[in-house]
Amino acid sequence: MIICQCAVIRESDLEKAIRALLEKKPKAQVTQNRLFKELGVRPDCTDCAPLPNHKITRISSEVTLSGMLRGGEIPRRLKK
């Protein structure tokens, strides 16, 4: 499925880029700017903005929870 038509970003490419960013710097927040830079694209419009945000949130929580369940360190931003 294509997420962004103006930059031609597929859902699978988006998920791979988010996971790559989380592996590089697990404690850094994944933003759209970092995500588009990782993909090497620059969107012309921002009509797709809610979709990448939703994917970032979903995949980040999956990766964080799986890391915590494997005994990984809980990121500081999630500690209360």
Protein backbone atom coordinates (compact mmCIF):
# COMPACT_ATOMS: atom_id res chain seq x y z
CA MET A 1 0.00 0.00 0.00
CA ILE A 2 1.31 3.46 -0.86
CA ILE A 3 1.33 5.81 2.14
CA CYS A 4 2.61 8.98 0.44
CA GLN A 5 1.83 9.57 -3.22
CA CYS A 6 3.96 12.66 -3.75
CA ALA A 7 7.14 11.00 -2.41
CA VAL A 8 6.08 7.44 -3.40
CA ILE A 9 6.53 5.79 -0.01
CA ARG A 10 5.20 2.28 0.47
CA GLU A 11 3.97 0.99 3.80
CA SER A 12 6.66 -1.71 3.89
CA ASP A 13 9.43 0.85 3.22
CA LEU A 14 8.04 3.06 5.96
CA GLU A 15 8.04 0.21 8.49
CA LYS A 16 11.61 -0.80 7.57
CA ALA A 17 12.81 2.80 7.97
CA ILE A 18 11.13 3.18 11.37
CA ARG A 19 12.69 -0.06 12.61
CA ALA A 20 16.10 1.01 11.24
CA LEU A 21 15.87 4.33 13.09
CA LEU A 22 14.91 2.56 16.31
CA GLU A 23 17.86 0.20 15.96
CA LYS A 24 20.33 3.03 15.30
CA LYS A 25 19.21 5.17 18.24
CA PRO A 26 16.66 3.32 20.39
CA LYS A 27 16.30 6.15 22.91
CA ALA A 28 15.79 8.92 20.34
CA GLN A 29 12.30 9.86 19.31
CA VAL A 30 11.35 8.97 15.74
CA THR A 31 9.98 12.03 13.97
CA GLN A 32 8.71 12.53 10.44
CA ASN A 33 11.78 14.59 9.57
CA ARG A 34 14.13 11.79 10.66
CA LEU A 35 11.94 9.25 8.90
CA PHE A 36 11.89 11.08 5.56
CA LYS A 37 15.64 11.67 5.80
CA GLU A 38 16.18 7.94 6.41
CA LEU A 39 14.06 7.17 3.34
CA GLY A 40 15.91 9.79 1.29
CA VAL A 41 12.74 11.56 0.16
CA ARG A 42 11.15 14.95 0.61
CA PRO A 43 7.36 15.14 0.45
CA ASP A 44 5.84 18.01 -1.54
CA CYS A 45 2.57 18.22 0.34
CA THR A 46 1.76 17.04 3.85
CA ASP A 47 -1.53 15.32 3.13
CA CYS A 48 -0.14 11.99 4.35
CA ALA A 49 1.14 13.36 7.70
CA PRO A 50 -1.33 11.44 9.94
CA LEU A 51 -0.43 8.06 8.41
CA PRO A 52 3.33 8.11 9.14
CA ASN A 53 2.60 9.41 12.65
CA HIS A 54 0.25 6.49 13.27
CA LYS A 55 2.84 4.00 11.96
CA ILE A 56 5.62 5.59 14.04
CA THR A 57 3.54 5.29 17.20
CA ARG A 58 2.45 1.70 16.51
CA ILE A 59 5.84 0.33 15.53
CA SER A 60 7.73 2.23 18.25
CA SER A 61 5.45 0.77 20.91
CA GLU A 62 5.84 -2.74 19.45
CA VAL A 63 9.63 -2.48 19.42
CA THR A 64 9.76 -0.94 22.90
CA LEU A 65 7.47 -3.57 24.42
CA SER A 66 9.34 -6.44 22.78
CA GLY A 67 12.63 -5.00 24.06
CA MET A 68 11.25 -4.68 27.59
CA LEU A 69 9.92 -8.22 27.52
CA ARG A 70 13.36 -9.50 26.50
CA GLY A 71 14.91 -7.74 29.48
CA GLY A 72 16.03 -4.64 27.58
CA GLU A 73 16.39 -1.31 29.29
CA ILE A 74 13.24 0.81 29.43
CA PRO A 75 13.79 4.11 27.58
CA ARG A 76 13.91 7.13 29.88
CA ARG A 77 10.96 8.78 28.15
CA LEU A 78 8.74 5.83 29.18
CA LYS A 79 9.85 5.71 32.81
CA LYS A 80 7.57 7.42 35.29
